[in-house]
Amino acid sequence: MQTILIVIHLMIVIALVTVVLMQRSEGGGLGIGGGSNFAAARGSGNLLTKVTAGLAVAFFATSLSLSLMARYGAQPVDIFDRMPGQEQTLPEGGGGVLDQLGGDDTPAPPSGTEPTGQPQVPSGQ
């Protein structure tokens, strides 16, 4: 249903842009340079004006319905709920997700020693 509404919304957008671009310019961008009364010069409106108003209402209606569908539609699923065979409880040791990933079990070097690029030679040789 949402896909159909998105397609209808996109067709309304294309039609609205086309109808707005087909309209005759009133001249004097942002009302600059016109000495006449704006409401009297405009008149009652022609067919393109009425089509533009209808498409604008349809655009707002589809926008509102798409936002409501997104808000009250299916809730997103947590990625950990989709993992097969994983338990949601922590093990007895108190580990977390990183402990369940695995990896090499080599211990970290003792603190106070800095790793260098040189191999370490035992001191007895």
PDB file of N, CA and C in Angstrom:
ATOM      1  N   MET A   1       0.822  -1.189   0.000  1.00  0.00           N
ATOM      2  CA  MET A   1       0.000   0.000   0.000  1.00  0.00           C
ATOM      3  C   MET A   1       0.871   1.258   0.000  1.00  0.00           C
ATOM      4  N   GLN A   2       1.950   1.188   0.772  1.00  0.00           N
ATOM      5  CA  GLN A   2       2.835   2.342   0.854  1.00  0.00           C
ATOM      6  C   GLN A   2       3.529   2.602  -0.485  1.00  0.00           C
ATOM      7  N   THR A   3       3.891   1.555  -1.189  1.00  0.00           N
ATOM      8  CA  THR A   3       4.545   1.714  -2.490  1.00  0.00           C
ATOM      9  C   THR A   3       3.604   2.361  -3.499  1.00  0.00           C
ATOM     10  N   ILE A   4       2.347   1.947  -3.491  1.00  0.00           N
ATOM     11  CA  ILE A   4       1.362   2.536  -4.400  1.00  0.00           C
ATOM     12  C   ILE A   4       1.183   4.015  -4.099  1.00  0.00           C
ATOM     13  N   LEU A   5       1.125   4.359  -2.820  1.00  0.00           N
ATOM     14  CA  LEU A   5       0.961   5.755  -2.431  1.00  0.00           C
ATOM     15  C   LEU A   5       2.190   6.592  -2.799  1.00  0.00           C
ATOM     16  N   ILE A   6       3.367   6.011  -2.719  1.00  0.00           N
ATOM     17  CA  ILE A   6       4.578   6.733  -3.124  1.00  0.00           C
ATOM     18  C   ILE A   6       4.567   7.001  -4.628  1.00  0.00           C
ATOM     19  N   VAL A   7       4.133   6.030  -5.414  1.00  0.00           N
ATOM     20  CA  VAL A   7       4.063   6.227  -6.868  1.00  0.00           C
ATOM     21  C   VAL A   7       3.052   7.316  -7.207  1.00  0.00           C
ATOM     22  N   ILE A   8       1.891   7.294  -6.552  1.00  0.00           N
ATOM     23  CA  ILE A   8       0.886   8.342  -6.782  1.00  0.00           C
ATOM     24  C   ILE A   8       1.445   9.702  -6.370  1.00  0.00           C
ATOM     25  N   HIS A   9       2.131   9.752  -5.259  1.00  0.00           N
ATOM     26  CA  HIS A   9       2.738  10.993  -4.776  1.00  0.00           C
ATOM     27  C   HIS A   9       3.748  11.543  -5.789  1.00  0.00           C
ATOM     28  N   LEU A  10       4.578  10.683  -6.333  1.00  0.00           N
ATOM     29  CA  LEU A  10       5.566  11.138  -7.324  1.00  0.00           C
ATOM     30  C   LEU A  10       4.894  11.631  -8.611  1.00  0.00           C
ATOM     31  N   MET A  11       3.816  10.986  -9.022  1.00  0.00           N
ATOM     32  CA  MET A  11       3.092  11.463 -10.213  1.00  0.00           C
ATOM     33  C   MET A  11       2.453  12.828  -9.947  1.00  0.00           C
ATOM     34  N   ILE A  12       1.946  13.031  -8.733  1.00  0.00           N
ATOM     35  CA  ILE A  12       1.385  14.338  -8.377  1.00  0.00           C
ATOM     36  C   ILE A  12       2.473  15.404  -8.386  1.00  0.00           C
ATOM     37  N   VAL A  13       3.650  15.065  -7.874  1.00  0.00           N
ATOM     38  CA  VAL A  13       4.761  16.020  -7.849  1.00  0.00           C
ATOM     39  C   VAL A  13       5.157  16.434  -9.263  1.00  0.00           C
ATOM     40  N   ILE A  14       5.276  15.460 -10.152  1.00  0.00           N
ATOM     41  CA  ILE A  14       5.653  15.773 -11.546  1.00  0.00           C
ATOM     42  C   ILE A  14       4.585  16.630 -12.208  1.00  0.00           C
ATOM     43  N   ALA A  15       3.309  16.306 -11.989  1.00  0.00           N
ATOM     44  CA  ALA A  15       2.222  17.097 -12.573  1.00  0.00           C
ATOM     45  C   ALA A  15       2.198  18.504 -11.984  1.00  0.00           C
ATOM     46  N   LEU A  16       2.447  18.630 -10.699  1.00  0.00           N
ATOM     47  CA  LEU A  16       2.440  19.943 -10.055  1.00  0.00           C
ATOM     48  C   LEU A  16       3.563  20.827 -10.591  1.00  0.00           C
ATOM     49  N   VAL A  17       4.743  20.270 -10.738  1.00  0.00           N
ATOM     50  CA  VAL A  17       5.860  21.044 -11.290  1.00  0.00           C
ATOM     51  C   VAL A  17       5.547  21.466 -12.723  1.00  0.00           C
ATOM     52  N   THR A  18       4.972  20.558 -13.512  1.00  0.00           N
ATOM     53  CA  THR A  18       4.640  20.874 -14.903  1.00  0.00           C
ATOM     54  C   THR A  18       3.600  21.987 -14.981  1.00  0.00           C
ATOM     55  N   VAL A  19       2.559  21.912 -14.176  1.00  0.00           N
ATOM     56  CA  VAL A  19       1.497  22.924 -14.212  1.00  0.00           C
ATOM     57  C   VAL A  19       2.014  24.274 -13.744  1.00  0.00           C
ATOM     58  N   VAL A  20       2.860  24.290 -12.724  1.00  0.00           N
ATOM     59  CA  VAL A  20       3.416  25.563 -12.254  1.00  0.00           C
ATOM     60  C   VAL A  20       4.304  26.188 -13.312  1.00  0.00           C
ATOM     61  N   LEU A  21       5.084  25.375 -13.997  1.00  0.00           N
ATOM     62  CA  LEU A  21       5.954  25.926 -15.047  1.00  0.00           C
ATOM     63  C   LEU A  21       5.177  26.385 -16.275  1.00  0.00           C
ATOM     64  N   MET A  22       3.988  25.848 -16.492  1.00  0.00           N
ATOM     65  CA  MET A  22       3.177  26.257 -17.644  1.00  0.00           C
ATOM     66  C   MET A  22       2.454  27.582 -17.415  1.00  0.00           C
ATOM     67  N   GLN A  23       2.348  28.016 -16.181  1.00  0.00           N
ATOM     68  CA  GLN A  23       1.603  29.242 -15.895  1.00  0.00           C
ATOM     69  C   GLN A  23       2.345  30.463 -16.389  1.00  0.00           C
ATOM     70  N   ARG A  24       1.556  31.480 -16.729  1.00  0.00           N
ATOM     71  CA  ARG A  24       2.112  32.728 -17.227  1.00  0.00           C
ATOM     72  C   ARG A  24       2.708  33.503 -16.063  1.00  0.00           C
ATOM     73  N   SER A  25       3.841  34.118 -16.293  1.00  0.00           N
ATOM     74  CA  SER A  25       4.499  34.901 -15.262  1.00  0.00           C
ATOM     75  C   SER A  25       3.731  36.183 -15.019  1.00  0.00           C
ATOM     76  N   GLU A  26       3.627  36.588 -13.774  1.00  0.00           N
ATOM     77  CA  GLU A  26       2.944  37.831 -13.418  1.00  0.00           C
ATOM     78  C   GLU A  26       3.868  39.025 -13.586  1.00  0.00           C
ATOM     79  N   GLY A  27       5.153  38.782 -13.731  1.00  0.00           N
ATOM     80  CA  GLY A  27       6.106  39.873 -13.891  1.00  0.00           C
ATOM     81  C   GLY A  27       6.428  40.527 -12.562  1.00  0.00           C
ATOM     82  N   GLY A  28       7.530  41.234 -12.500  1.00  0.00           N
ATOM     83  CA  GLY A  28       7.915  41.935 -11.276  1.00  0.00           C
ATOM     84  C   GLY A  28       8.141  40.976 -10.127  1.00  0.00           C
ATOM     85  N   GLY A  29       9.221  40.250 -10.177  1.00  0.00           N
ATOM     86  CA  GLY A  29       9.497  39.241  -9.167  1.00  0.00           C
ATOM     87  C   GLY A  29       9.325  39.770  -7.750  1.00  0.00           C
ATOM     88  N   LEU A  30       8.633  39.038  -6.932  1.00  0.00           N
ATOM     89  CA  LEU A  30       8.334  39.348  -5.539  1.00  0.00           C
ATOM     90  C   LEU A  30       7.538  40.642  -5.396  1.00  0.00           C
ATOM     91  N   GLY A  31       6.803  41.009  -6.430  1.00  0.00           N
ATOM     92  CA  GLY A  31       5.937  42.185  -6.336  1.00  0.00           C
ATOM     93  C   GLY A  31       6.651  43.502  -6.507  1.00  0.00           C
ATOM     94  N   ILE A  32       7.887  43.479  -6.933  1.00  0.00           N
ATOM     95  CA  ILE A  32       8.660  44.704  -7.083  1.00  0.00           C
ATOM     96  C   ILE A  32       8.319  45.339  -8.429  1.00  0.00           C
ATOM     97  N   GLY A  33       8.084  46.609  -8.432  1.00  0.00           N
ATOM     98  CA  GLY A  33       7.884  47.347  -9.670  1.00  0.00           C
ATOM     99  C   GLY A  33       6.453  47.366 -10.171  1.00  0.00           C
ATOM    100  N   GLY A  34       5.520  46.845  -9.443  1.00  0.00           N
ATOM    101  CA  GLY A  34       4.124  46.884  -9.881  1.00  0.00           C
ATOM    102  C   GLY A  34       3.358  47.903  -9.072  1.00  0.00           C
ATOM    103  N   GLY A  35       2.685  48.821  -9.754  1.00  0.00           N
ATOM    104  CA  GLY A  35       1.929  49.842  -9.048  1.00  0.00           C
ATOM    105  C   GLY A  35       0.463  49.479  -8.909  1.00  0.00           C
ATOM    106  N   SER A  36       0.054  48.349  -9.463  1.00  0.00           N
ATOM    107  CA  SER A  36      -1.365  48.003  -9.427  1.00  0.00           C
ATOM    108  C   SER A  36      -1.683  47.154  -8.207  1.00  0.00           C
ATOM    109  N   ASN A  37      -2.965  47.069  -7.912  1.00  0.00           N
ATOM    110  CA  ASN A  37      -3.424  46.239  -6.808  1.00  0.00           C
ATOM    111  C   ASN A  37      -3.287  44.777  -7.205  1.00  0.00           C
ATOM    112  N   PHE A  38      -2.610  43.973  -6.386  1.00  0.00           N
ATOM    113  CA  PHE A  38      -2.326  42.579  -6.736  1.00  0.00           C
ATOM    114  C   PHE A  38      -3.610  41.758  -6.844  1.00  0.00           C
ATOM    115  N   ALA A  39      -4.548  41.928  -5.933  1.00  0.00           N
ATOM    116  CA  ALA A  39      -5.766  41.128  -5.933  1.00  0.00           C
ATOM    117  C   ALA A  39      -6.661  41.479  -7.112  1.00  0.00           C
ATOM    118  N   ALA A  40      -6.718  42.741  -7.498  1.00  0.00           N
ATOM    119  CA  ALA A  40      -7.578  43.141  -8.605  1.00  0.00           C
ATOM    120  C   ALA A  40      -6.982  42.723  -9.939  1.00  0.00           C
ATOM    121  N   ALA A  41      -5.656  42.728 -10.056  1.00  0.00           N
ATOM    122  CA  ALA A  41      -5.011  42.386 -11.316  1.00  0.00           C
ATOM    123  C   ALA A  41      -5.078  40.892 -11.585  1.00  0.00           C
ATOM    124  N   ARG A  42      -5.192  40.099 -10.562  1.00  0.00           N
ATOM    125  CA  ARG A  42      -5.156  38.649 -10.729  1.00  0.00           C
ATOM    126  C   ARG A  42      -6.468  38.105 -11.274  1.00  0.00           C
ATOM    127  N   GLY A  43      -7.558  38.605 -10.855  1.00  0.00           N
ATOM    128  CA  GLY A  43      -8.836  38.118 -11.363  1.00  0.00           C
ATOM    129  C   GLY A  43      -9.292  36.881 -10.621  1.00  0.00           C
ATOM    130  N   SER A  44     -10.232  36.176 -11.187  1.00  0.00           N
ATOM    131  CA  SER A  44     -10.822  35.024 -10.504  1.00  0.00           C
ATOM    132  C   SER A  44     -10.009  33.749 -10.679  1.00  0.00           C
ATOM    133  N   GLY A  45      -9.104  33.707 -11.601  1.00  0.00           N
ATOM    134  CA  GLY A  45      -8.271  32.520 -11.792  1.00  0.00           C
ATOM    135  C   GLY A  45      -8.759  31.684 -12.962  1.00  0.00           C
ATOM    136  N   ASN A  46      -7.826  31.145 -13.685  1.00  0.00           N
ATOM    137  CA  ASN A  46      -8.177  30.328 -14.841  1.00  0.00           C
ATOM    138  C   ASN A  46      -8.046  28.842 -14.517  1.00  0.00           C
ATOM    139  N   LEU A  47      -8.101  28.022 -15.522  1.00  0.00           N
ATOM    140  CA  LEU A  47      -8.057  26.573 -15.344  1.00  0.00           C
ATOM    141  C   LEU A  47      -6.732  26.114 -14.732  1.00  0.00           C
ATOM    142  N   LEU A  48      -5.594  26.705 -15.158  1.00  0.00           N
ATOM    143  CA  LEU A  48      -4.297  26.293 -14.614  1.00  0.00           C
ATOM    144  C   LEU A  48      -4.193  26.597 -13.123  1.00  0.00           C
ATOM    145  N   THR A  49      -4.781  27.700 -12.698  1.00  0.00           N
ATOM    146  CA  THR A  49      -4.750  28.041 -11.281  1.00  0.00           C
ATOM    147  C   THR A  49      -5.554  27.034 -10.466  1.00  0.00           C
ATOM    148  N   LYS A  50      -6.702  26.630 -10.981  1.00  0.00           N
ATOM    149  CA  LYS A  50      -7.543  25.661 -10.275  1.00  0.00           C
ATOM    150  C   LYS A  50      -6.895  24.271 -10.254  1.00  0.00           C
ATOM    151  N   VAL A  51      -6.233  23.904 -11.345  1.00  0.00           N
ATOM    152  CA  VAL A  51      -5.528  22.619 -11.386  1.00  0.00           C
ATOM    153  C   VAL A  51      -4.355  22.629 -10.410  1.00  0.00           C
ATOM    154  N   THR A  52      -3.658  23.755 -10.327  1.00  0.00           N
ATOM    155  CA  THR A  52      -2.549  23.881  -9.383  1.00  0.00           C
ATOM    156  C   THR A  52      -3.039  23.734  -7.947  1.00  0.00           C
ATOM    157  N   ALA A  53      -4.158  24.362  -7.637  1.00  0.00           N
ATOM    158  CA  ALA A  53      -4.707  24.260  -6.279  1.00  0.00           C
ATOM    159  C   ALA A  53      -5.125  22.818  -5.976  1.00  0.00           C
ATOM    160  N   GLY A  54      -5.730  22.147  -6.938  1.00  0.00           N
ATOM    161  CA  GLY A  54      -6.133  20.750  -6.727  1.00  0.00           C
ATOM    162  C   GLY A  54      -4.944  19.829  -6.535  1.00  0.00           C
ATOM    163  N   LEU A  55      -3.909  20.030  -7.342  1.00  0.00           N
ATOM    164  CA  LEU A  55      -2.703  19.217  -7.193  1.00  0.00           C
ATOM    165  C   LEU A  55      -1.989  19.508  -5.875  1.00  0.00           C
ATOM    166  N   ALA A  56      -2.031  20.754  -5.421  1.00  0.00           N
ATOM    167  CA  ALA A  56      -1.413  21.089  -4.141  1.00  0.00           C
ATOM    168  C   ALA A  56      -2.142  20.403  -2.994  1.00  0.00           C
ATOM    169  N   VAL A  57      -3.467  20.369  -3.048  1.00  0.00           N
ATOM    170  CA  VAL A  57      -4.236  19.678  -2.015  1.00  0.00           C
ATOM    171  C   VAL A  57      -3.925  18.184  -2.040  1.00  0.00           C
ATOM    172  N   ALA A  58      -3.843  17.590  -3.231  1.00  0.00           N
ATOM    173  CA  ALA A  58      -3.515  16.168  -3.349  1.00  0.00           C
ATOM    174  C   ALA A  58      -2.099  15.889  -2.848  1.00  0.00           C
ATOM    175  N   PHE A  59      -1.170  16.814  -3.110  1.00  0.00           N
ATOM    176  CA  PHE A  59       0.205  16.662  -2.644  1.00  0.00           C
ATOM    177  C   PHE A  59       0.258  16.647  -1.118  1.00  0.00           C
ATOM    178  N   PHE A  60      -0.438  17.577  -0.492  1.00  0.00           N
ATOM    179  CA  PHE A  60      -0.444  17.618   0.974  1.00  0.00           C
ATOM    180  C   PHE A  60      -1.143  16.400   1.554  1.00  0.00           C
ATOM    181  N   ALA A  61      -2.201  15.930   0.912  1.00  0.00           N
ATOM    182  CA  ALA A  61      -2.912  14.749   1.411  1.00  0.00           C
ATOM    183  C   ALA A  61      -2.033  13.506   1.335  1.00  0.00           C
ATOM    184  N   THR A  62      -1.326  13.317   0.223  1.00  0.00           N
ATOM    185  CA  THR A  62      -0.455  12.143   0.109  1.00  0.00           C
ATOM    186  C   THR A  62       0.748  12.262   1.040  1.00  0.00           C
ATOM    187  N   SER A  63       1.263  13.479   1.219  1.00  0.00           N
ATOM    188  CA  SER A  63       2.382  13.672   2.146  1.00  0.00           C
ATOM    189  C   SER A  63       1.968  13.334   3.571  1.00  0.00           C
ATOM    190  N   LEU A  64       0.790  13.801   3.964  1.00  0.00           N
ATOM    191  CA  LEU A  64       0.305  13.530   5.309  1.00  0.00           C
ATOM    192  C   LEU A  64       0.036  12.041   5.517  1.00  0.00           C
ATOM    193  N   SER A  65      -0.560  11.400   4.521  1.00  0.00           N
ATOM    194  CA  SER A  65      -0.849   9.969   4.668  1.00  0.00           C
ATOM    195  C   SER A  65       0.431   9.137   4.678  1.00  0.00           C
ATOM    196  N   LEU A  66       1.444   9.513   3.912  1.00  0.00           N
ATOM    197  CA  LEU A  66       2.717   8.795   3.945  1.00  0.00           C
ATOM    198  C   LEU A  66       3.410   8.954   5.303  1.00  0.00           C
ATOM    199  N   SER A  67       3.336  10.155   5.858  1.00  0.00           N
ATOM    200  CA  SER A  67       3.973  10.353   7.169  1.00  0.00           C
ATOM    201  C   SER A  67       3.221   9.592   8.264  1.00  0.00           C
ATOM    202  N   LEU A  68       1.898   9.517   8.168  1.00  0.00           N
ATOM    203  CA  LEU A  68       1.136   8.742   9.149  1.00  0.00           C
ATOM    204  C   LEU A  68       1.410   7.250   9.010  1.00  0.00           C
ATOM    205  N   MET A  69       1.551   6.780   7.772  1.00  0.00           N
ATOM    206  CA  MET A  69       1.869   5.366   7.560  1.00  0.00           C
ATOM    207  C   MET A  69       3.250   5.033   8.111  1.00  0.00           C
ATOM    208  N   ALA A  70       4.189   5.961   7.957  1.00  0.00           N
ATOM    209  CA  ALA A  70       5.536   5.723   8.481  1.00  0.00           C
ATOM    210  C   ALA A  70       5.541   5.740  10.006  1.00  0.00           C
ATOM    211  N   ARG A  71       4.708   6.595  10.594  1.00  0.00           N
ATOM    212  CA  ARG A  71       4.687   6.706  12.053  1.00  0.00           C
ATOM    213  C   ARG A  71       3.977   5.527  12.704  1.00  0.00           C
ATOM    214  N   TYR A  72       2.821   5.149  12.178  1.00  0.00           N
ATOM    215  CA  TYR A  72       2.021   4.119  12.821  1.00  0.00           C
ATOM    216  C   TYR A  72       2.082   2.771  12.112  1.00  0.00           C
ATOM    217  N   GLY A  73       2.951   2.652  11.142  1.00  0.00           N
ATOM    218  CA  GLY A  73       3.083   1.391  10.413  1.00  0.00           C
ATOM    219  C   GLY A  73       3.884   0.383  11.205  1.00  0.00           C
ATOM    220  N   ALA A  74       4.466  -0.567  10.493  1.00  0.00           N
ATOM    221  CA  ALA A  74       5.264  -1.618  11.124  1.00  0.00           C
ATOM    222  C   ALA A  74       6.468  -1.000  11.820  1.00  0.00           C
ATOM    223  N   GLN A  75       6.692  -1.446  13.030  1.00  0.00           N
ATOM    224  CA  GLN A  75       7.810  -0.928  13.808  1.00  0.00           C
ATOM    225  C   GLN A  75       9.106  -1.594  13.345  1.00  0.00           C
ATOM    226  N   PRO A  76      10.227  -0.882  13.402  1.00  0.00           N
ATOM    227  CA  PRO A  76      11.490  -1.493  13.003  1.00  0.00           C
ATOM    228  C   PRO A  76      11.864  -2.636  13.939  1.00  0.00           C
ATOM    229  N   VAL A  77      12.537  -3.610  13.379  1.00  0.00           N
ATOM    230  CA  VAL A  77      12.925  -4.794  14.138  1.00  0.00           C
ATOM    231  C   VAL A  77      14.357  -4.622  14.592  1.00  0.00           C
ATOM    232  N   ASP A  78      14.622  -4.987  15.836  1.00  0.00           N
ATOM    233  CA  ASP A  78      15.967  -4.923  16.367  1.00  0.00           C
ATOM    234  C   ASP A  78      16.827  -5.978  15.665  1.00  0.00           C
ATOM    235  N   ILE A  79      18.046  -5.638  15.338  1.00  0.00           N
ATOM    236  CA  ILE A  79      18.905  -6.550  14.590  1.00  0.00           C
ATOM    237  C   ILE A  79      19.216  -7.799  15.412  1.00  0.00           C
ATOM    238  N   PHE A  80      19.248  -7.680  16.741  1.00  0.00           N
ATOM    239  CA  PHE A  80      19.545  -8.837  17.567  1.00  0.00           C
ATOM    240  C   PHE A  80      18.363  -9.800  17.642  1.00  0.00           C
ATOM    241  N   ASP A  81      17.161  -9.327  17.340  1.00  0.00           N
ATOM    242  CA  ASP A  81      16.007 -10.220  17.310  1.00  0.00           C
ATOM    243  C   ASP A  81      16.031 -11.133  16.084  1.00  0.00           C
ATOM    244  N   ARG A  82      16.727 -10.716  15.037  1.00  0.00           N
ATOM    245  CA  ARG A  82      16.769 -11.505  13.805  1.00  0.00           C
ATOM    246  C   ARG A  82      17.901 -12.516  13.770  1.00  0.00           C
ATOM    247  N   MET A  83      18.807 -12.493  14.740  1.00  0.00           N
ATOM    248  CA  MET A  83      19.943 -13.400  14.739  1.00  0.00           C
ATOM    249  C   MET A  83      19.485 -14.780  15.206  1.00  0.00           C
ATOM    250  N   PRO A  84      19.658 -15.812  14.375  1.00  0.00           N
ATOM    251  CA  PRO A  84      19.203 -17.141  14.783  1.00  0.00           C
ATOM    252  C   PRO A  84      20.131 -17.754  15.827  1.00  0.00           C
ATOM    253  N   GLY A  85      19.537 -18.447  16.787  1.00  0.00           N
ATOM    254  CA  GLY A  85      20.318 -19.197  17.760  1.00  0.00           C
ATOM    255  C   GLY A  85      20.973 -18.373  18.839  1.00  0.00           C
ATOM    256  N   GLN A  86      20.698 -17.119  18.925  1.00  0.00           N
ATOM    257  CA  GLN A  86      21.308 -16.277  19.950  1.00  0.00           C
ATOM    258  C   GLN A  86      20.327 -16.089  21.090  1.00  0.00           C
ATOM    259  N   GLU A  87      20.807 -16.196  22.298  1.00  0.00           N
ATOM    260  CA  GLU A  87      19.979 -15.955  23.469  1.00  0.00           C
ATOM    261  C   GLU A  87      20.114 -14.491  23.860  1.00  0.00           C
ATOM    262  N   GLN A  88      19.042 -13.936  24.376  1.00  0.00           N
ATOM    263  CA  GLN A  88      19.053 -12.539  24.761  1.00  0.00           C
ATOM    264  C   GLN A  88      19.573 -12.325  26.183  1.00  0.00           C
ATOM    265  N   THR A  89      19.750 -13.397  26.965  1.00  0.00           N
ATOM    266  CA  THR A  89      20.247 -13.252  28.326  1.00  0.00           C
ATOM    267  C   THR A  89      21.762 -13.303  28.330  1.00  0.00           C
ATOM    268  N   LEU A  90      22.348 -12.643  29.290  1.00  0.00           N
ATOM    269  CA  LEU A  90      23.799 -12.638  29.410  1.00  0.00           C
ATOM    270  C   LEU A  90      24.256 -13.932  30.073  1.00  0.00           C
ATOM    271  N   PRO A  91      25.447 -14.434  29.702  1.00  0.00           N
ATOM    272  CA  PRO A  91      25.965 -15.630  30.359  1.00  0.00           C
ATOM    273  C   PRO A  91      26.317 -15.330  31.816  1.00  0.00           C
ATOM    274  N   GLU A  92      26.621 -16.392  32.565  1.00  0.00           N
ATOM    275  CA  GLU A  92      26.923 -16.271  33.994  1.00  0.00           C
ATOM    276  C   GLU A  92      28.101 -15.349  34.253  1.00  0.00           C
ATOM    277  N   GLY A  93      29.060 -15.318  33.348  1.00  0.00           N
ATOM    278  CA  GLY A  93      30.249 -14.493  33.546  1.00  0.00           C
ATOM    279  C   GLY A  93      29.969 -13.012  33.368  1.00  0.00           C
ATOM    280  N   GLY A  94      28.786 -12.645  32.923  1.00  0.00           N
ATOM    281  CA  GLY A  94      28.447 -11.245  32.751  1.00  0.00           C
ATOM    282  C   GLY A  94      28.947 -10.670  31.440  1.00  0.00           C
ATOM    283  N   GLY A  95      29.312 -11.520  30.483  1.00  0.00           N
ATOM    284  CA  GLY A  95      29.811 -11.038  29.207  1.00  0.00           C
ATOM    285  C   GLY A  95      28.709 -10.406  28.381  1.00  0.00           C
ATOM    286  N   GLY A  96      29.082  -9.818  27.303  1.00  0.00           N
ATOM    287  CA  GLY A  96      28.117  -9.170  26.435  1.00  0.00           C
ATOM    288  C   GLY A  96      28.235  -9.670  25.017  1.00  0.00           C
ATOM    289  N   VAL A  97      27.822  -8.840  24.100  1.00  0.00           N
ATOM    290  CA  VAL A  97      27.815  -9.210  22.686  1.00  0.00           C
ATOM    291  C   VAL A  97      29.235  -9.435  22.178  1.00  0.00           C
ATOM    292  N   LEU A  98      30.180  -8.616  22.619  1.00  0.00           N
ATOM    293  CA  LEU A  98      31.555  -8.761  22.138  1.00  0.00           C
ATOM    294  C   LEU A  98      32.172 -10.076  22.599  1.00  0.00           C
ATOM    295  N   ASP A  99      31.765 -10.562  23.767  1.00  0.00           N
ATOM    296  CA  ASP A  99      32.275 -11.848  24.229  1.00  0.00           C
ATOM    297  C   ASP A  99      31.720 -13.003  23.402  1.00  0.00           C
ATOM    298  N   GLN A 100      30.558 -12.850  22.841  1.00  0.00           N
ATOM    299  CA  GLN A 100      29.944 -13.899  22.048  1.00  0.00           C
ATOM    300  C   GLN A 100      30.504 -13.967  20.636  1.00  0.00           C
ATOM    301  N   LEU A 101      31.203 -12.919  20.190  1.00  0.00           N
ATOM    302  CA  LEU A 101      31.724 -12.891  18.837  1.00  0.00           C
ATOM    303  C   LEU A 101      32.900 -13.828  18.637  1.00  0.00           C
ATOM    304  N   GLY A 102      33.633 -14.088  19.669  1.00  0.00           N
ATOM    305  CA  GLY A 102      34.787 -14.973  19.540  1.00  0.00           C
ATOM    306  C   GLY A 102      36.015 -14.192  19.130  1.00  0.00           C
ATOM    307  N   GLY A 103      36.970 -14.877  18.589  1.00  0.00           N
ATOM    308  CA  GLY A 103      38.208 -14.245  18.186  1.00  0.00           C
ATOM    309  C   GLY A 103      39.375 -14.990  18.792  1.00  0.00           C
ATOM    310  N   ASP A 104      40.572 -14.436  18.655  1.00  0.00           N
ATOM    311  CA  ASP A 104      41.735 -15.123  19.220  1.00  0.00           C
ATOM    312  C   ASP A 104      41.759 -14.912  20.724  1.00  0.00           C
ATOM    313  N   ASP A 105      42.231 -15.927  21.431  1.00  0.00           N
ATOM    314  CA  ASP A 105      42.256 -15.904  22.883  1.00  0.00           C
ATOM    315  C   ASP A 105      43.649 -15.593  23.423  1.00  0.00           C
ATOM    316  N   THR A 106      44.479 -14.922  22.634  1.00  0.00           N
ATOM    317  CA  THR A 106      45.821 -14.592  23.105  1.00  0.00           C
ATOM    318  C   THR A 106      45.718 -13.477  24.128  1.00  0.00           C
ATOM    319  N   PRO A 107      46.440 -13.612  25.220  1.00  0.00           N
ATOM    320  CA  PRO A 107      46.351 -12.573  26.255  1.00  0.00           C
ATOM    321  C   PRO A 107      47.069 -11.310  25.812  1.00  0.00           C
ATOM    322  N   ALA A 108      46.665 -10.226  26.361  1.00  0.00           N
ATOM    323  CA  ALA A 108      47.304  -8.949  26.072  1.00  0.00           C
ATOM    324  C   ALA A 108      48.658  -8.910  26.776  1.00  0.00           C
ATOM    325  N   PRO A 109      49.612  -8.128  26.260  1.00  0.00           N
ATOM    326  CA  PRO A 109      50.910  -8.023  26.936  1.00  0.00           C
ATOM    327  C   PRO A 109      50.732  -7.376  28.297  1.00  0.00           C
ATOM    328  N   PRO A 110      51.598  -7.749  29.240  1.00  0.00           N
ATOM    329  CA  PRO A 110      51.477  -7.169  30.583  1.00  0.00           C
ATOM    330  C   PRO A 110      51.609  -5.657  30.523  1.00  0.00           C
ATOM    331  N   SER A 111      50.953  -5.014  31.451  1.00  0.00           N
ATOM    332  CA  SER A 111      50.996  -3.556  31.441  1.00  0.00           C
ATOM    333  C   SER A 111      52.403  -3.086  31.814  1.00  0.00           C
ATOM    334  N   GLY A 112      52.777  -1.965  31.295  1.00  0.00           N
ATOM    335  CA  GLY A 112      54.108  -1.431  31.547  1.00  0.00           C
ATOM    336  C   GLY A 112      55.085  -1.764  30.437  1.00  0.00           C
ATOM    337  N   THR A 113      54.757  -2.702  29.574  1.00  0.00           N
ATOM    338  CA  THR A 113      55.635  -3.017  28.455  1.00  0.00           C
ATOM    339  C   THR A 113      55.006  -2.453  27.198  1.00  0.00           C
ATOM    340  N   GLU A 114      55.785  -1.776  26.452  1.00  0.00           N
ATOM    341  CA  GLU A 114      55.294  -1.195  25.210  1.00  0.00           C
ATOM    342  C   GLU A 114      55.748  -2.064  24.054  1.00  0.00           C
ATOM    343  N   PRO A 115      54.868  -2.346  23.158  1.00  0.00           N
ATOM    344  CA  PRO A 115      55.269  -3.162  22.014  1.00  0.00           C
ATOM    345  C   PRO A 115      56.196  -2.374  21.094  1.00  0.00           C
ATOM    346  N   THR A 116      57.234  -3.011  20.662  1.00  0.00           N
ATOM    347  CA  THR A 116      58.158  -2.418  19.696  1.00  0.00           C
ATOM    348  C   THR A 116      58.130  -3.278  18.451  1.00  0.00           C
ATOM    349  N   GLY A 117      58.688  -2.770  17.407  1.00  0.00           N
ATOM    350  CA  GLY A 117      58.730  -3.523  16.159  1.00  0.00           C
ATOM    351  C   GLY A 117      59.782  -4.618  16.173  1.00  0.00           C
ATOM    352  N   GLN A 118      60.626  -4.682  17.232  1.00  0.00           N
ATOM    353  CA  GLN A 118      61.713  -5.639  17.307  1.00  0.00           C
ATOM    354  C   GLN A 118      61.267  -6.901  18.031  1.00  0.00           C
ATOM    355  N   PRO A 119      61.744  -8.070  17.557  1.00  0.00           N
ATOM    356  CA  PRO A 119      61.432  -9.306  18.302  1.00  0.00           C
ATOM    357  C   PRO A 119      62.172  -9.277  19.620  1.00  0.00           C
ATOM    358  N   GLN A 120      61.535  -9.786  20.661  1.00  0.00           N
ATOM    359  CA  GLN A 120      62.167  -9.804  21.972  1.00  0.00           C
ATOM    360  C   GLN A 120      62.947 -11.089  22.151  1.00  0.00           C
ATOM    361  N   VAL A 121      64.170 -10.949  22.622  1.00  0.00           N
ATOM    362  CA  VAL A 121      65.067 -12.073  22.852  1.00  0.00           C
ATOM    363  C   VAL A 121      65.112 -12.348  24.338  1.00  0.00           C
ATOM    364  N   PRO A 122      64.998 -13.619  24.733  1.00  0.00           N
ATOM    365  CA  PRO A 122      65.103 -13.904  26.182  1.00  0.00           C
ATOM    366  C   PRO A 122      66.424 -13.427  26.725  1.00  0.00           C
ATOM    367  N   SER A 123      66.469 -12.999  27.974  1.00  0.00           N
ATOM    368  CA  SER A 123      67.649 -12.357  28.567  1.00  0.00           C
ATOM    369  C   SER A 123      68.750 -13.366  28.920  1.00  0.00           C
ATOM    370  N   GLY A 124      68.514 -14.648  28.933  1.00  0.00           N
ATOM    371  CA  GLY A 124      69.519 -15.619  29.331  1.00  0.00           C
ATOM    372  C   GLY A 124      70.461 -15.999  28.200  1.00  0.00           C
ATOM    373  N   GLN A 125      70.386 -15.471  27.036  1.00  0.00           N
ATOM    374  CA  GLN A 125      71.225 -15.952  25.935  1.00  0.00           C
ATOM    375  C   GLN A 125      72.260 -14.988  25.555  1.00  0.00           C
TER     376      GLN A 125
END
